[in-house]
Amino acid sequence: MKCVLLALFSFIVSFPATCQLLIAPTRFVLDAERSVTEKIVVENTSDQPLRLDIKAVYRPIASQGVRRLSDDVEREEDISDFLQISPPIIRKLNPNQRRTIRLRLKTLPSDKTKGEYRAYVRFSPTVSVASTGEDKTASAFALNFKLNTYIPVYVQKGQPTQDVSIQCEANGIRIQNKSNYQFNALLKYGDWTQNLVVVRNAELIKTLPNTTPEAQLIQHEQVLQRCSF
């Protein structure tokens, strides 16, 4: 289990000092053809009781160097309305206490085209502290800090296919994913290795340091593209 801050294209995991929650699993890939219920375990790692609000939401891509290839793709891929969460609120989660959340995916309509759809489960913890001047045993409280955590839910309809073009740029690499499914590959340059995830119908221009002599894009141990600078 890990506390995660999600970067949508460069798949980077961070561990902030104010981490309040341990969540497992941190990602779902589900089948659109059937209704299914999954379990999420959440644990309070802070030293104070938390109130936890859980909701299915959609997050547009807001990453530098990324653009979507269709104006309607964000509306089309949003399946947050097909996710149900129980319970949606945990009013008090004590330090070191665990709770199980149930995530239910409803079957997608038959008229949905083949492709990958997505949403996120948002965890919004708030620390409850006694209000100034109030007795600590009273019911009055103030809501303190909040740090949202998101885990992605990908829903696939049909067998994933690739339709990707890759080009070397003057100081980087351009990946255009015209498929309705996400594209994953490993980018190697210098002493660095990075996992790139490009969601459906999107283009990513990955800028590299000026000192980079060569970069390779690798998938399943095969070099898809080699760029020299």
C-alpha atoms as a PDB file:
ATOM      1  CA  MET A   1       0.000   0.000   0.000  1.00  0.00           C
ATOM      2  CA  LYS A   2       1.256   3.483  -0.724  1.00  0.00           C
ATOM      3  CA  CYS A   3       0.283   7.117  -0.503  1.00  0.00           C
ATOM      4  CA  VAL A   4       0.155   8.380  -4.064  1.00  0.00           C
ATOM      5  CA  LEU A   5       0.118  11.643  -5.940  1.00  0.00           C
ATOM      6  CA  LEU A   6      -0.707  10.804  -9.537  1.00  0.00           C
ATOM      7  CA  ALA A   7       0.990  12.294 -12.602  1.00  0.00           C
ATOM      8  CA  LEU A   8      -1.094  11.220 -15.541  1.00  0.00           C
ATOM      9  CA  PHE A   9       1.497  10.765 -18.262  1.00  0.00           C
ATOM     10  CA  SER A  10       4.852  10.375 -16.573  1.00  0.00           C
ATOM     11  CA  PHE A  11       3.896   7.707 -14.087  1.00  0.00           C
ATOM     12  CA  ILE A  12       5.642   9.081 -10.999  1.00  0.00           C
ATOM     13  CA  VAL A  13       4.861   8.108  -7.408  1.00  0.00           C
ATOM     14  CA  SER A  14       5.548  10.580  -4.594  1.00  0.00           C
ATOM     15  CA  PHE A  15       5.626  10.112  -0.835  1.00  0.00           C
ATOM     16  CA  PRO A  16       4.768  13.469   0.819  1.00  0.00           C
ATOM     17  CA  ALA A  17       5.660  14.066   4.449  1.00  0.00           C
ATOM     18  CA  THR A  18       2.011  14.809   5.249  1.00  0.00           C
ATOM     19  CA  CYS A  19       0.810  11.447   3.942  1.00  0.00           C
ATOM     20  CA  GLN A  20      -2.379  10.612   5.826  1.00  0.00           C
ATOM     21  CA  LEU A  21      -3.590   7.455   4.121  1.00  0.00           C
ATOM     22  CA  LEU A  22      -2.413   4.059   2.987  1.00  0.00           C
ATOM     23  CA  ILE A  23      -4.569   2.829   0.110  1.00  0.00           C
ATOM     24  CA  ALA A  24      -4.551  -0.520  -1.691  1.00  0.00           C
ATOM     25  CA  PRO A  25      -4.805  -1.205  -4.513  1.00  0.00           C
ATOM     26  CA  THR A  26      -3.713   2.026  -6.189  1.00  0.00           C
ATOM     27  CA  ARG A  27      -5.089   1.252  -9.669  1.00  0.00           C
ATOM     28  CA  PHE A  28      -7.912  -0.710 -11.291  1.00  0.00           C
ATOM     29  CA  VAL A  29      -8.292  -2.067 -14.824  1.00  0.00           C
ATOM     30  CA  LEU A  30     -11.830  -3.432 -15.227  1.00  0.00           C
ATOM     31  CA  ASP A  31     -13.875  -5.149 -17.933  1.00  0.00           C
ATOM     32  CA  ALA A  32     -16.654  -2.979 -19.358  1.00  0.00           C
ATOM     33  CA  GLU A  33     -18.729  -6.002 -20.348  1.00  0.00           C
ATOM     34  CA  ARG A  34     -19.780  -6.952 -16.828  1.00  0.00           C
ATOM     35  CA  SER A  35     -20.760  -5.430 -13.524  1.00  0.00           C
ATOM     36  CA  VAL A  36     -18.169  -6.020 -10.812  1.00  0.00           C
ATOM     37  CA  THR A  37     -17.517  -5.010  -7.204  1.00  0.00           C
ATOM     38  CA  GLU A  38     -13.949  -4.417  -6.001  1.00  0.00           C
ATOM     39  CA  LYS A  39     -12.564  -3.724  -2.536  1.00  0.00           C
ATOM     40  CA  ILE A  40     -10.283  -0.857  -1.499  1.00  0.00           C
ATOM     41  CA  VAL A  41      -8.542  -0.931   1.882  1.00  0.00           C
ATOM     42  CA  VAL A  42      -7.763   2.436   3.448  1.00  0.00           C
ATOM     43  CA  GLU A  43      -5.766   3.049   6.633  1.00  0.00           C
ATOM     44  CA  ASN A  44      -5.294   6.254   8.636  1.00  0.00           C
ATOM     45  CA  THR A  45      -1.538   6.751   9.108  1.00  0.00           C
ATOM     46  CA  SER A  46      -1.813  10.148  10.781  1.00  0.00           C
ATOM     47  CA  ASP A  47      -1.902  10.681  14.541  1.00  0.00           C
ATOM     48  CA  GLN A  48      -5.396  12.219  14.542  1.00  0.00           C
ATOM     49  CA  PRO A  49      -8.893  10.964  13.673  1.00  0.00           C
ATOM     50  CA  LEU A  50      -9.916  11.701  10.100  1.00  0.00           C
ATOM     51  CA  ARG A  51     -13.170  12.258   8.308  1.00  0.00           C
ATOM     52  CA  LEU A  52     -12.932  10.722   4.857  1.00  0.00           C
ATOM     53  CA  ASP A  53     -15.072  11.643   1.848  1.00  0.00           C
ATOM     54  CA  ILE A  54     -14.826   9.257  -1.120  1.00  0.00           C
ATOM     55  CA  LYS A  55     -16.199  10.072  -4.548  1.00  0.00           C
ATOM     56  CA  ALA A  56     -15.887   8.938  -8.171  1.00  0.00           C
ATOM     57  CA  VAL A  57     -14.734  11.877 -10.300  1.00  0.00           C
ATOM     58  CA  TYR A  58     -13.279  12.610 -13.722  1.00  0.00           C
ATOM     59  CA  ARG A  59     -10.023  14.548 -14.124  1.00  0.00           C
ATOM     60  CA  PRO A  60      -9.131  16.142 -17.471  1.00  0.00           C
ATOM     61  CA  ILE A  61      -5.535  15.864 -18.593  1.00  0.00           C
ATOM     62  CA  ALA A  62      -3.607  18.960 -17.554  1.00  0.00           C
ATOM     63  CA  SER A  63      -0.026  17.855 -18.168  1.00  0.00           C
ATOM     64  CA  GLN A  64       2.520  20.014 -19.974  1.00  0.00           C
ATOM     65  CA  GLY A  65       3.252  18.805 -23.493  1.00  0.00           C
ATOM     66  CA  VAL A  66      -0.037  16.925 -23.837  1.00  0.00           C
ATOM     67  CA  ARG A  67      -3.020  17.635 -26.037  1.00  0.00           C
ATOM     68  CA  ARG A  68      -6.102  15.589 -26.863  1.00  0.00           C
ATOM     69  CA  LEU A  69      -6.756  14.719 -30.511  1.00  0.00           C
ATOM     70  CA  SER A  70     -10.542  15.129 -30.240  1.00  0.00           C
ATOM     71  CA  ASP A  71     -12.622  17.868 -28.643  1.00  0.00           C
ATOM     72  CA  ASP A  72     -15.179  15.349 -27.369  1.00  0.00           C
ATOM     73  CA  VAL A  73     -12.821  12.673 -26.055  1.00  0.00           C
ATOM     74  CA  GLU A  74     -12.968  13.830 -22.420  1.00  0.00           C
ATOM     75  CA  ARG A  75     -16.749  13.683 -22.416  1.00  0.00           C
ATOM     76  CA  GLU A  76     -16.703  10.308 -24.159  1.00  0.00           C
ATOM     77  CA  GLU A  77     -14.198   8.593 -21.861  1.00  0.00           C
ATOM     78  CA  ASP A  78     -15.702   9.800 -18.550  1.00  0.00           C
ATOM     79  CA  ILE A  79     -17.343   6.866 -16.718  1.00  0.00           C
ATOM     80  CA  SER A  80     -17.563   8.409 -13.236  1.00  0.00           C
ATOM     81  CA  ASP A  81     -21.376   8.083 -13.356  1.00  0.00           C
ATOM     82  CA  PHE A  82     -21.003   4.307 -13.706  1.00  0.00           C
ATOM     83  CA  LEU A  83     -19.024   3.940 -10.471  1.00  0.00           C
ATOM     84  CA  GLN A  84     -20.718   3.518  -7.097  1.00  0.00           C
ATOM     85  CA  ILE A  85     -18.837   3.808  -3.799  1.00  0.00           C
ATOM     86  CA  SER A  86     -19.928   2.422  -0.441  1.00  0.00           C
ATOM     87  CA  PRO A  87     -19.654   4.013   1.999  1.00  0.00           C
ATOM     88  CA  PRO A  88     -19.116   7.459   0.416  1.00  0.00           C
ATOM     89  CA  ILE A  89     -18.298   8.980   3.819  1.00  0.00           C
ATOM     90  CA  ILE A  90     -16.354   7.655   6.790  1.00  0.00           C
ATOM     91  CA  ARG A  91     -17.123  10.099   9.548  1.00  0.00           C
ATOM     92  CA  LYS A  92     -14.330   8.949  11.853  1.00  0.00           C
ATOM     93  CA  LEU A  93     -11.272   6.904  10.982  1.00  0.00           C
ATOM     94  CA  ASN A  94      -9.005   6.622  14.004  1.00  0.00           C
ATOM     95  CA  PRO A  95      -5.180   6.494  13.807  1.00  0.00           C
ATOM     96  CA  ASN A  96      -3.981   3.094  12.520  1.00  0.00           C
ATOM     97  CA  GLN A  97      -7.587   2.061  11.846  1.00  0.00           C
ATOM     98  CA  ARG A  98      -8.471   0.336   8.559  1.00  0.00           C
ATOM     99  CA  ARG A  99     -11.715   0.314   6.649  1.00  0.00           C
ATOM    100  CA  THR A 100     -12.806  -1.469   3.481  1.00  0.00           C
ATOM    101  CA  ILE A 101     -14.449   0.548   0.703  1.00  0.00           C
ATOM    102  CA  ARG A 102     -16.510  -1.149  -1.993  1.00  0.00           C
ATOM    103  CA  LEU A 103     -16.245   0.105  -5.553  1.00  0.00           C
ATOM    104  CA  ARG A 104     -18.929  -1.110  -7.945  1.00  0.00           C
ATOM    105  CA  LEU A 105     -18.773  -0.739 -11.715  1.00  0.00           C
ATOM    106  CA  LYS A 106     -22.091  -0.815 -13.531  1.00  0.00           C
ATOM    107  CA  THR A 107     -22.122  -2.403 -16.980  1.00  0.00           C
ATOM    108  CA  LEU A 108     -21.511   0.196 -19.680  1.00  0.00           C
ATOM    109  CA  PRO A 109     -24.245   0.741 -22.293  1.00  0.00           C
ATOM    110  CA  SER A 110     -24.030  -1.444 -25.392  1.00  0.00           C
ATOM    111  CA  ASP A 111     -23.739   1.628 -27.634  1.00  0.00           C
ATOM    112  CA  LYS A 112     -20.393   2.586 -26.081  1.00  0.00           C
ATOM    113  CA  THR A 113     -17.706   2.095 -28.713  1.00  0.00           C
ATOM    114  CA  LYS A 114     -14.742  -0.192 -28.130  1.00  0.00           C
ATOM    115  CA  GLY A 115     -12.029   1.558 -26.221  1.00  0.00           C
ATOM    116  CA  GLU A 116     -10.706   2.528 -22.825  1.00  0.00           C
ATOM    117  CA  TYR A 117     -12.674   4.676 -20.394  1.00  0.00           C
ATOM    118  CA  ARG A 118     -11.538   6.183 -17.131  1.00  0.00           C
ATOM    119  CA  ALA A 119     -12.412   7.916 -13.897  1.00  0.00           C
ATOM    120  CA  TYR A 120     -10.785   8.314 -10.483  1.00  0.00           C
ATOM    121  CA  VAL A 121     -11.686   7.501  -6.911  1.00  0.00           C
ATOM    122  CA  ARG A 122     -10.963  10.623  -4.877  1.00  0.00           C
ATOM    123  CA  PHE A 123     -10.161  10.326  -1.183  1.00  0.00           C
ATOM    124  CA  SER A 124     -10.579  13.627   0.698  1.00  0.00           C
ATOM    125  CA  PRO A 125      -9.418  13.342   4.326  1.00  0.00           C
ATOM    126  CA  THR A 126      -9.923  16.161   6.818  1.00  0.00           C
ATOM    127  CA  VAL A 127      -8.636  16.300  10.378  1.00  0.00           C
ATOM    128  CA  SER A 128     -11.267  17.042  13.004  1.00  0.00           C
ATOM    129  CA  VAL A 129      -9.924  19.260  15.786  1.00  0.00           C
ATOM    130  CA  ALA A 130     -11.769  20.817  18.694  1.00  0.00           C
ATOM    131  CA  SER A 131     -12.918  24.385  17.994  1.00  0.00           C
ATOM    132  CA  THR A 132     -11.294  27.195  19.985  1.00  0.00           C
ATOM    133  CA  GLY A 133     -13.080  27.721  23.285  1.00  0.00           C
ATOM    134  CA  GLU A 134     -15.041  24.494  22.981  1.00  0.00           C
ATOM    135  CA  ASP A 135     -14.824  21.583  25.380  1.00  0.00           C
ATOM    136  CA  LYS A 136     -12.977  18.689  23.758  1.00  0.00           C
ATOM    137  CA  THR A 137     -15.859  16.387  24.609  1.00  0.00           C
ATOM    138  CA  ALA A 138     -18.353  18.601  22.788  1.00  0.00           C
ATOM    139  CA  SER A 139     -19.640  17.746  19.337  1.00  0.00           C
ATOM    140  CA  ALA A 140     -18.450  21.016  17.798  1.00  0.00           C
ATOM    141  CA  PHE A 141     -15.320  20.730  15.657  1.00  0.00           C
ATOM    142  CA  ALA A 142     -13.342  22.536  12.984  1.00  0.00           C
ATOM    143  CA  LEU A 143     -12.066  20.963   9.777  1.00  0.00           C
ATOM    144  CA  ASN A 144      -8.308  21.286   9.454  1.00  0.00           C
ATOM    145  CA  PHE A 145      -6.028  20.441   6.492  1.00  0.00           C
ATOM    146  CA  LYS A 146      -6.963  18.402   3.425  1.00  0.00           C
ATOM    147  CA  LEU A 147      -4.805  16.425   0.978  1.00  0.00           C
ATOM    148  CA  ASN A 148      -6.735  14.691  -1.776  1.00  0.00           C
ATOM    149  CA  THR A 149      -5.510  11.355  -3.095  1.00  0.00           C
ATOM    150  CA  TYR A 150      -6.685   9.850  -6.397  1.00  0.00           C
ATOM    151  CA  ILE A 151      -6.532   6.300  -7.718  1.00  0.00           C
ATOM    152  CA  PRO A 152      -7.340   5.694 -11.401  1.00  0.00           C
ATOM    153  CA  VAL A 153     -10.028   3.318 -12.632  1.00  0.00           C
ATOM    154  CA  TYR A 154      -9.603   2.202 -16.247  1.00  0.00           C
ATOM    155  CA  VAL A 155     -12.459   0.349 -17.924  1.00  0.00           C
ATOM    156  CA  GLN A 156     -11.732  -1.490 -21.164  1.00  0.00           C
ATOM    157  CA  LYS A 157     -14.259  -2.510 -23.786  1.00  0.00           C
ATOM    158  CA  GLY A 158     -12.931  -4.869 -26.422  1.00  0.00           C
ATOM    159  CA  GLN A 159      -9.405  -6.074 -27.030  1.00  0.00           C
ATOM    160  CA  PRO A 160      -6.815  -3.254 -26.744  1.00  0.00           C
ATOM    161  CA  THR A 161      -5.152  -2.248 -30.015  1.00  0.00           C
ATOM    162  CA  GLN A 162      -2.371   0.213 -30.879  1.00  0.00           C
ATOM    163  CA  ASP A 163      -2.342   3.011 -33.426  1.00  0.00           C
ATOM    164  CA  VAL A 164       0.682   5.078 -32.514  1.00  0.00           C
ATOM    165  CA  SER A 165       3.122   7.280 -34.419  1.00  0.00           C
ATOM    166  CA  ILE A 166       6.496   8.229 -32.898  1.00  0.00           C
ATOM    167  CA  GLN A 167       8.757  11.000 -34.145  1.00  0.00           C
ATOM    168  CA  CYS A 168      12.115  12.368 -33.032  1.00  0.00           C
ATOM    169  CA  GLU A 169      12.060  16.114 -32.367  1.00  0.00           C
ATOM    170  CA  ALA A 170      14.941  18.577 -32.114  1.00  0.00           C
ATOM    171  CA  ASN A 171      15.062  18.235 -28.326  1.00  0.00           C
ATOM    172  CA  GLY A 172      12.695  15.395 -27.512  1.00  0.00           C
ATOM    173  CA  ILE A 173      10.247  12.820 -28.775  1.00  0.00           C
ATOM    174  CA  ARG A 174       6.656  13.104 -30.000  1.00  0.00           C
ATOM    175  CA  ILE A 175       4.149  10.290 -29.374  1.00  0.00           C
ATOM    176  CA  GLN A 176       0.736  10.483 -31.022  1.00  0.00           C
ATOM    177  CA  ASN A 177      -1.716   7.869 -29.775  1.00  0.00           C
ATOM    178  CA  LYS A 178      -4.658   7.667 -32.203  1.00  0.00           C
ATOM    179  CA  SER A 179      -6.013   4.498 -30.605  1.00  0.00           C
ATOM    180  CA  ASN A 180      -8.986   4.349 -28.225  1.00  0.00           C
ATOM    181  CA  TYR A 181      -6.695   2.581 -25.738  1.00  0.00           C
ATOM    182  CA  GLN A 182      -3.779   3.932 -23.716  1.00  0.00           C
ATOM    183  CA  PHE A 183      -0.187   3.496 -24.863  1.00  0.00           C
ATOM    184  CA  ASN A 184       2.584   2.424 -22.459  1.00  0.00           C
ATOM    185  CA  ALA A 185       6.312   2.389 -23.131  1.00  0.00           C
ATOM    186  CA  LEU A 186       9.641   2.812 -21.374  1.00  0.00           C
ATOM    187  CA  LEU A 187      11.742   5.879 -22.204  1.00  0.00           C
ATOM    188  CA  LYS A 188      15.485   5.537 -21.669  1.00  0.00           C
ATOM    189  CA  TYR A 189      17.903   8.455 -22.004  1.00  0.00           C
ATOM    190  CA  GLY A 190      21.309   8.850 -20.412  1.00  0.00           C
ATOM    191  CA  ASP A 191      21.173   7.269 -16.952  1.00  0.00           C
ATOM    192  CA  TRP A 192      17.399   7.839 -16.695  1.00  0.00           C
ATOM    193  CA  THR A 193      14.511   5.445 -17.241  1.00  0.00           C
ATOM    194  CA  GLN A 194      10.895   6.616 -17.234  1.00  0.00           C
ATOM    195  CA  ASN A 195       7.581   4.877 -17.803  1.00  0.00           C
ATOM    196  CA  LEU A 196       5.389   6.882 -20.181  1.00  0.00           C
ATOM    197  CA  VAL A 197       1.615   6.467 -20.269  1.00  0.00           C
ATOM    198  CA  VAL A 198      -0.312   8.229 -23.033  1.00  0.00           C
ATOM    199  CA  VAL A 199      -4.072   7.919 -22.669  1.00  0.00           C
ATOM    200  CA  ARG A 200      -6.390   7.348 -25.608  1.00  0.00           C
ATOM    201  CA  ASN A 201      -6.578   9.898 -28.439  1.00  0.00           C
ATOM    202  CA  ALA A 202      -3.761  12.052 -27.128  1.00  0.00           C
ATOM    203  CA  GLU A 203      -0.388  13.447 -28.166  1.00  0.00           C
ATOM    204  CA  LEU A 204       2.587  13.797 -25.853  1.00  0.00           C
ATOM    205  CA  ILE A 205       5.689  15.836 -26.668  1.00  0.00           C
ATOM    206  CA  LYS A 206       8.354  14.761 -24.194  1.00  0.00           C
ATOM    207  CA  THR A 207      11.134  17.330 -23.945  1.00  0.00           C
ATOM    208  CA  LEU A 208      14.534  15.964 -22.934  1.00  0.00           C
ATOM    209  CA  PRO A 209      17.571  17.712 -21.373  1.00  0.00           C
ATOM    210  CA  ASN A 210      19.874  19.459 -23.841  1.00  0.00           C
ATOM    211  CA  THR A 211      22.722  17.171 -22.746  1.00  0.00           C
ATOM    212  CA  THR A 212      20.886  14.020 -23.901  1.00  0.00           C
ATOM    213  CA  PRO A 213      22.810  12.381 -26.797  1.00  0.00           C
ATOM    214  CA  GLU A 214      20.294   9.589 -27.451  1.00  0.00           C
ATOM    215  CA  ALA A 215      16.868   8.334 -26.327  1.00  0.00           C
ATOM    216  CA  GLN A 216      15.084   5.034 -26.823  1.00  0.00           C
ATOM    217  CA  LEU A 217      11.405   4.193 -26.554  1.00  0.00           C
ATOM    218  CA  ILE A 218      11.013   0.544 -25.557  1.00  0.00           C
ATOM    219  CA  GLN A 219       7.940  -1.684 -25.319  1.00  0.00           C
ATOM    220  CA  HIS A 220       8.035  -5.375 -24.343  1.00  0.00           C
ATOM    221  CA  GLU A 221      11.851  -5.276 -24.545  1.00  0.00           C
ATOM    222  CA  GLN A 222      11.718  -4.113 -28.184  1.00  0.00           C
ATOM    223  CA  VAL A 223      13.023  -0.723 -29.272  1.00  0.00           C
ATOM    224  CA  LEU A 224      10.173   1.140 -30.977  1.00  0.00           C
ATOM    225  CA  GLN A 225      12.160   4.295 -31.715  1.00  0.00           C
ATOM    226  CA  ARG A 226      15.736   5.482 -31.284  1.00  0.00           C
ATOM    227  CA  CYS A 227      16.473   9.214 -31.437  1.00  0.00           C
ATOM    228  CA  SER A 228      19.900  10.832 -31.654  1.00  0.00           C
ATOM    229  CA  PHE A 229      20.372  14.493 -30.799  1.00  0.00           C
END
